[in-house]
Every structure is written in C-alpha cells, then in structure tokens.
Amino acid sequence: MINFLKKIWKYILPVIKNKYILTIIFFIVWVTFFDNNNLLDRINNIGVLNQLHKDQEYYKEKITIDTKRLEELRTDKENLEKFAREQYLMKKKNEDIFIMVDGN
C-alpha cells in the first residue's frame, strides 16, 4: 500500500509544483463552483430555459386557438349565443334551463 502511494505521489508532485497547472486547476474549480455564473447554475438555467420555451409554445398555440374562436364569435351570432349559453349559463326571458349532471 505504501509503495502504491509513493508511486502516485511521484506523479502528482511534479503537477503540484507546476504553477501553470495549479493556476488552470484553480481556474476550473473557481468557474465550476464559486463564480457568479458558475457551471452548476448554468446547467440549472438551461433546464429553466427549456421549460420556458415549452411554455411559450403552449401559449402560442393557445393564443392561436383563442383568436380563431374569438373571430368566430365576432362573425356569427349563433355561435355567440351558443357560447353565452354554455359558458355563462345565460338564458332568454321566460326560459328555464336545466343542467343535467351524470351522477356516476
């Protein structure tokens, strides 16, 4: 075991004595863990960015669908009446509405 450690130390000691390699190692450790824009935060931000892109696509599709629906409501009076009756339970005078709920 001691011989093994001596062999490893024989290879590590020149690396530790080299100031350029120490500087590079210090820089890598600094950028990875301690910098304001460290690597760990960047990886997390990439995940957040991907989720935001998915949300953006969802809302673009929703806007497209709602825009088409709004245009239908603006142009067709029958669709407007149907929408008002279904969504807001509006009714005409002297009209009763019965809501049927399936009771499973």
N, C-alpha and C. Protein backbone atom coordinates (compact mmCIF):
# COMPACT_ATOMS: atom_id res chain seq x y z
N MET A 1 0.83 -1.19 0.00
CA MET A 1 0.00 0.00 0.00
C MET A 1 0.87 1.25 0.00
N ILE A 2 1.93 1.24 0.79
CA ILE A 2 2.81 2.40 0.85
C ILE A 2 3.53 2.59 -0.47
N ASN A 3 3.93 1.49 -1.11
CA ASN A 3 4.58 1.61 -2.42
C ASN A 3 3.63 2.22 -3.44
N PHE A 4 2.37 1.84 -3.37
CA PHE A 4 1.38 2.38 -4.28
C PHE A 4 1.23 3.89 -4.09
N LEU A 5 1.18 4.33 -2.84
CA LEU A 5 1.07 5.77 -2.55
C LEU A 5 2.32 6.51 -3.00
N LYS A 6 3.46 5.89 -2.86
CA LYS A 6 4.70 6.54 -3.30
C LYS A 6 4.71 6.70 -4.82
N LYS A 7 4.20 5.70 -5.53
CA LYS A 7 4.14 5.80 -6.99
C LYS A 7 3.19 6.91 -7.42
N ILE A 8 2.05 6.99 -6.76
CA ILE A 8 1.10 8.05 -7.08
C ILE A 8 1.70 9.41 -6.75
N TRP A 9 2.32 9.52 -5.61
CA TRP A 9 2.92 10.78 -5.19
C TRP A 9 4.01 11.21 -6.16
N LYS A 10 4.72 10.24 -6.72
CA LYS A 10 5.79 10.53 -7.68
C LYS A 10 5.21 11.21 -8.93
N TYR A 11 3.98 10.87 -9.31
CA TYR A 11 3.36 11.50 -10.47
C TYR A 11 2.62 12.80 -10.12
N ILE A 12 2.13 12.89 -8.91
CA ILE A 12 1.37 14.07 -8.50
C ILE A 12 2.28 15.23 -8.12
N LEU A 13 3.41 14.96 -7.53
CA LEU A 13 4.31 16.01 -7.05
C LEU A 13 4.74 16.96 -8.15
N PRO A 14 5.15 16.49 -9.33
CA PRO A 14 5.52 17.45 -10.37
C PRO A 14 4.33 18.31 -10.83
N VAL A 15 3.15 17.76 -10.80
CA VAL A 15 1.97 18.54 -11.19
C VAL A 15 1.71 19.64 -10.18
N ILE A 16 1.84 19.32 -8.91
CA ILE A 16 1.61 20.31 -7.85
C ILE A 16 2.66 21.41 -7.90
N LYS A 17 3.87 21.09 -8.26
CA LYS A 17 4.94 22.08 -8.31
C LYS A 17 4.83 23.00 -9.53
N ASN A 18 4.12 22.58 -10.54
CA ASN A 18 3.99 23.39 -11.75
C ASN A 18 2.94 24.47 -11.53
N LYS A 19 3.36 25.74 -11.57
CA LYS A 19 2.46 26.85 -11.27
C LYS A 19 1.38 27.03 -12.34
N TYR A 20 1.67 26.68 -13.56
CA TYR A 20 0.68 26.83 -14.62
C TYR A 20 -0.46 25.83 -14.46
N ILE A 21 -0.11 24.62 -14.13
CA ILE A 21 -1.15 23.60 -13.93
C ILE A 21 -1.98 23.94 -12.70
N LEU A 22 -1.33 24.42 -11.65
CA LEU A 22 -2.07 24.84 -10.45
C LEU A 22 -3.03 25.99 -10.77
N THR A 23 -2.58 26.92 -11.60
CA THR A 23 -3.43 28.04 -11.99
C THR A 23 -4.63 27.55 -12.79
N ILE A 24 -4.41 26.63 -13.70
CA ILE A 24 -5.50 26.09 -14.50
C ILE A 24 -6.49 25.33 -13.62
N ILE A 25 -5.98 24.53 -12.70
CA ILE A 25 -6.86 23.79 -11.79
C ILE A 25 -7.67 24.76 -10.93
N PHE A 26 -7.01 25.79 -10.40
CA PHE A 26 -7.71 26.79 -9.60
C PHE A 26 -8.80 27.48 -10.43
N PHE A 27 -8.49 27.83 -11.67
CA PHE A 27 -9.46 28.49 -12.55
C PHE A 27 -10.66 27.58 -12.81
N ILE A 28 -10.42 26.32 -13.08
CA ILE A 28 -11.51 25.38 -13.35
C ILE A 28 -12.40 25.23 -12.11
N VAL A 29 -11.79 25.09 -10.94
CA VAL A 29 -12.57 24.97 -9.71
C VAL A 29 -13.36 26.25 -9.45
N TRP A 30 -12.74 27.40 -9.68
CA TRP A 30 -13.42 28.68 -9.45
C TRP A 30 -14.63 28.83 -10.37
N VAL A 31 -14.44 28.56 -11.65
CA VAL A 31 -15.52 28.72 -12.61
C VAL A 31 -16.63 27.70 -12.36
N THR A 32 -16.27 26.51 -11.93
CA THR A 32 -17.27 25.47 -11.72
C THR A 32 -18.13 25.72 -10.49
N PHE A 33 -17.55 26.23 -9.42
CA PHE A 33 -18.29 26.30 -8.16
C PHE A 33 -18.52 27.71 -7.59
N PHE A 34 -17.59 28.64 -7.76
CA PHE A 34 -17.64 29.88 -6.99
C PHE A 34 -18.01 31.13 -7.78
N ASP A 35 -17.92 31.11 -9.07
CA ASP A 35 -18.19 32.29 -9.88
C ASP A 35 -19.68 32.62 -9.86
N ASN A 36 -20.02 33.88 -10.16
CA ASN A 36 -21.43 34.27 -10.20
C ASN A 36 -22.20 33.50 -11.27
N ASN A 37 -21.55 33.20 -12.36
CA ASN A 37 -22.17 32.43 -13.45
C ASN A 37 -21.55 31.04 -13.47
N ASN A 38 -21.56 30.37 -12.34
CA ASN A 38 -20.87 29.08 -12.26
C ASN A 38 -21.57 28.02 -13.09
N LEU A 39 -20.86 26.94 -13.29
CA LEU A 39 -21.34 25.87 -14.17
C LEU A 39 -22.62 25.23 -13.65
N LEU A 40 -22.72 25.06 -12.36
CA LEU A 40 -23.91 24.43 -11.78
C LEU A 40 -25.16 25.29 -12.00
N ASP A 41 -25.01 26.60 -11.82
CA ASP A 41 -26.15 27.49 -12.07
C ASP A 41 -26.51 27.53 -13.55
N ARG A 42 -25.52 27.47 -14.41
CA ARG A 42 -25.78 27.49 -15.85
C ARG A 42 -26.57 26.25 -16.28
N ILE A 43 -26.20 25.10 -15.72
CA ILE A 43 -26.93 23.87 -16.05
C ILE A 43 -28.38 23.99 -15.58
N ASN A 44 -28.58 24.52 -14.39
CA ASN A 44 -29.93 24.73 -13.87
C ASN A 44 -30.71 25.72 -14.75
N ASN A 45 -30.04 26.79 -15.17
CA ASN A 45 -30.70 27.80 -16.01
C ASN A 45 -31.07 27.24 -17.38
N ILE A 46 -30.28 26.31 -17.90
CA ILE A 46 -30.62 25.68 -19.17
C ILE A 46 -31.93 24.91 -19.04
N GLY A 47 -32.09 24.20 -17.92
CA GLY A 47 -33.35 23.48 -17.68
C GLY A 47 -34.53 24.42 -17.57
N VAL A 48 -34.34 25.53 -16.87
CA VAL A 48 -35.41 26.53 -16.74
C VAL A 48 -35.75 27.12 -18.11
N LEU A 49 -34.72 27.41 -18.90
CA LEU A 49 -34.93 27.97 -20.23
C LEU A 49 -35.71 27.01 -21.13
N ASN A 50 -35.38 25.74 -21.07
CA ASN A 50 -36.11 24.75 -21.86
C ASN A 50 -37.59 24.70 -21.45
N GLN A 51 -37.85 24.76 -20.15
CA GLN A 51 -39.24 24.77 -19.68
C GLN A 51 -39.97 26.02 -20.15
N LEU A 52 -39.28 27.16 -20.15
CA LEU A 52 -39.90 28.40 -20.62
C LEU A 52 -40.21 28.34 -22.11
N HIS A 53 -39.34 27.68 -22.89
CA HIS A 53 -39.62 27.52 -24.32
C HIS A 53 -40.86 26.65 -24.53
N LYS A 54 -40.99 25.60 -23.73
CA LYS A 54 -42.19 24.75 -23.83
C LYS A 54 -43.44 25.55 -23.48
N ASP A 55 -43.35 26.35 -22.41
CA ASP A 55 -44.48 27.19 -22.02
C ASP A 55 -44.83 28.19 -23.13
N GLN A 56 -43.80 28.74 -23.75
CA GLN A 56 -44.01 29.71 -24.82
C GLN A 56 -44.75 29.06 -25.99
N GLU A 57 -44.37 27.87 -26.38
CA GLU A 57 -45.06 27.17 -27.46
C GLU A 57 -46.51 26.87 -27.08
N TYR A 58 -46.73 26.45 -25.83
CA TYR A 58 -48.09 26.17 -25.37
C TYR A 58 -48.96 27.42 -25.48
N TYR A 59 -48.44 28.54 -25.02
CA TYR A 59 -49.25 29.76 -25.03
C TYR A 59 -49.44 30.30 -26.45
N LYS A 60 -48.47 30.09 -27.33
CA LYS A 60 -48.67 30.49 -28.72
C LYS A 60 -49.81 29.69 -29.35
N GLU A 61 -49.84 28.38 -29.09
CA GLU A 61 -50.93 27.56 -29.61
C GLU A 61 -52.27 27.99 -29.01
N LYS A 62 -52.26 28.28 -27.72
CA LYS A 62 -53.50 28.70 -27.05
C LYS A 62 -53.99 30.04 -27.61
N ILE A 63 -53.08 30.95 -27.88
CA ILE A 63 -53.46 32.24 -28.47
C ILE A 63 -54.05 32.04 -29.85
N THR A 64 -53.46 31.15 -30.64
CA THR A 64 -53.98 30.87 -31.98
C THR A 64 -55.40 30.31 -31.91
N ILE A 65 -55.60 29.35 -31.03
CA ILE A 65 -56.93 28.75 -30.88
C ILE A 65 -57.94 29.78 -30.40
N ASP A 66 -57.56 30.57 -29.39
CA ASP A 66 -58.48 31.58 -28.86
C ASP A 66 -58.77 32.68 -29.87
N THR A 67 -57.79 33.02 -30.69
CA THR A 67 -58.01 34.04 -31.72
C THR A 67 -59.02 33.55 -32.75
N LYS A 68 -58.90 32.28 -33.15
CA LYS A 68 -59.87 31.71 -34.09
C LYS A 68 -61.26 31.68 -33.47
N ARG A 69 -61.33 31.30 -32.22
CA ARG A 69 -62.63 31.23 -31.53
C ARG A 69 -63.25 32.62 -31.40
N LEU A 70 -62.42 33.61 -31.08
CA LEU A 70 -62.91 34.98 -30.95
C LEU A 70 -63.42 35.49 -32.29
N GLU A 71 -62.72 35.17 -33.36
CA GLU A 71 -63.16 35.60 -34.69
C GLU A 71 -64.50 34.95 -35.05
N GLU A 72 -64.66 33.67 -34.68
CA GLU A 72 -65.94 33.01 -34.92
C GLU A 72 -67.06 33.68 -34.13
N LEU A 73 -66.77 34.06 -32.90
CA LEU A 73 -67.80 34.71 -32.07
C LEU A 73 -68.16 36.09 -32.60
N ARG A 74 -67.18 36.79 -33.16
CA ARG A 74 -67.45 38.13 -33.69
C ARG A 74 -68.26 38.09 -34.99
N THR A 75 -68.11 37.03 -35.77
CA THR A 75 -68.75 37.00 -37.08
C THR A 75 -70.09 36.27 -37.09
N ASP A 76 -70.30 35.33 -36.20
CA ASP A 76 -71.51 34.50 -36.25
C ASP A 76 -72.32 34.69 -34.97
N LYS A 77 -73.53 35.22 -35.12
CA LYS A 77 -74.39 35.48 -33.96
C LYS A 77 -74.83 34.18 -33.29
N GLU A 78 -75.03 33.13 -34.06
CA GLU A 78 -75.45 31.86 -33.47
C GLU A 78 -74.36 31.28 -32.57
N ASN A 79 -73.12 31.37 -33.01
CA ASN A 79 -72.02 30.90 -32.17
C ASN A 79 -71.89 31.74 -30.90
N LEU A 80 -72.13 33.04 -31.03
CA LEU A 80 -72.07 33.91 -29.86
C LEU A 80 -73.14 33.53 -28.85
N GLU A 81 -74.35 33.28 -29.33
CA GLU A 81 -75.43 32.88 -28.42
C GLU A 81 -75.13 31.52 -27.78
N LYS A 82 -74.65 30.59 -28.56
CA LYS A 82 -74.30 29.26 -28.04
C LYS A 82 -73.20 29.38 -26.97
N PHE A 83 -72.21 30.19 -27.25
CA PHE A 83 -71.12 30.39 -26.29
C PHE A 83 -71.64 31.00 -24.99
N ALA A 84 -72.47 32.02 -25.11
CA ALA A 84 -73.01 32.69 -23.91
C ALA A 84 -73.86 31.73 -23.09
N ARG A 85 -74.64 30.90 -23.75
CA ARG A 85 -75.49 29.95 -23.04
C ARG A 85 -74.65 28.87 -22.34
N GLU A 86 -73.63 28.37 -23.02
CA GLU A 86 -72.84 27.27 -22.45
C GLU A 86 -71.87 27.75 -21.37
N GLN A 87 -71.20 28.85 -21.63
CA GLN A 87 -70.16 29.29 -20.71
C GLN A 87 -70.71 30.07 -19.51
N TYR A 88 -71.68 30.92 -19.76
CA TYR A 88 -72.16 31.81 -18.71
C TYR A 88 -73.59 31.51 -18.26
N LEU A 89 -74.15 30.41 -18.77
CA LEU A 89 -75.50 29.98 -18.40
C LEU A 89 -76.53 31.08 -18.58
N MET A 90 -76.39 31.84 -19.66
CA MET A 90 -77.36 32.90 -19.96
C MET A 90 -78.60 32.28 -20.59
N LYS A 91 -79.71 32.97 -20.43
CA LYS A 91 -80.96 32.47 -20.98
C LYS A 91 -81.81 33.63 -21.47
N LYS A 92 -82.80 33.28 -22.27
CA LYS A 92 -83.75 34.28 -22.75
C LYS A 92 -84.83 34.48 -21.70
N LYS A 93 -85.60 35.53 -21.85
CA LYS A 93 -86.71 35.77 -20.93
C LYS A 93 -87.72 34.65 -21.08
N ASN A 94 -88.33 34.30 -19.98
CA ASN A 94 -89.35 33.23 -19.94
C ASN A 94 -88.80 31.89 -20.41
N GLU A 95 -87.56 31.62 -20.07
CA GLU A 95 -86.94 30.36 -20.48
C GLU A 95 -86.31 29.73 -19.24
N ASP A 96 -86.51 28.45 -19.06
CA ASP A 96 -85.90 27.74 -17.95
C ASP A 96 -84.76 26.87 -18.48
N ILE A 97 -83.71 26.78 -17.69
CA ILE A 97 -82.55 25.98 -18.08
C ILE A 97 -82.39 24.86 -17.06
N PHE A 98 -82.25 23.67 -17.55
CA PHE A 98 -82.00 22.51 -16.70
C PHE A 98 -80.62 21.96 -17.04
N ILE A 99 -79.79 21.84 -16.03
CA ILE A 99 -78.45 21.30 -16.24
C ILE A 99 -78.47 19.85 -15.82
N MET A 100 -78.15 18.98 -16.75
CA MET A 100 -78.13 17.54 -16.49
C MET A 100 -76.71 17.13 -16.13
N VAL A 101 -76.56 16.56 -14.95
CA VAL A 101 -75.25 16.10 -14.50
C VAL A 101 -75.31 14.59 -14.39
N ASP A 102 -74.36 13.93 -15.01
CA ASP A 102 -74.30 12.48 -14.96
C ASP A 102 -73.76 12.08 -13.59
N GLY A 103 -74.55 11.38 -12.80
CA GLY A 103 -74.16 11.02 -11.43
C GLY A 103 -73.62 9.61 -11.36
N ASN A 104 -72.39 9.43 -11.72
CA ASN A 104 -71.77 8.09 -11.65
C ASN A 104 -71.42 7.76 -10.24
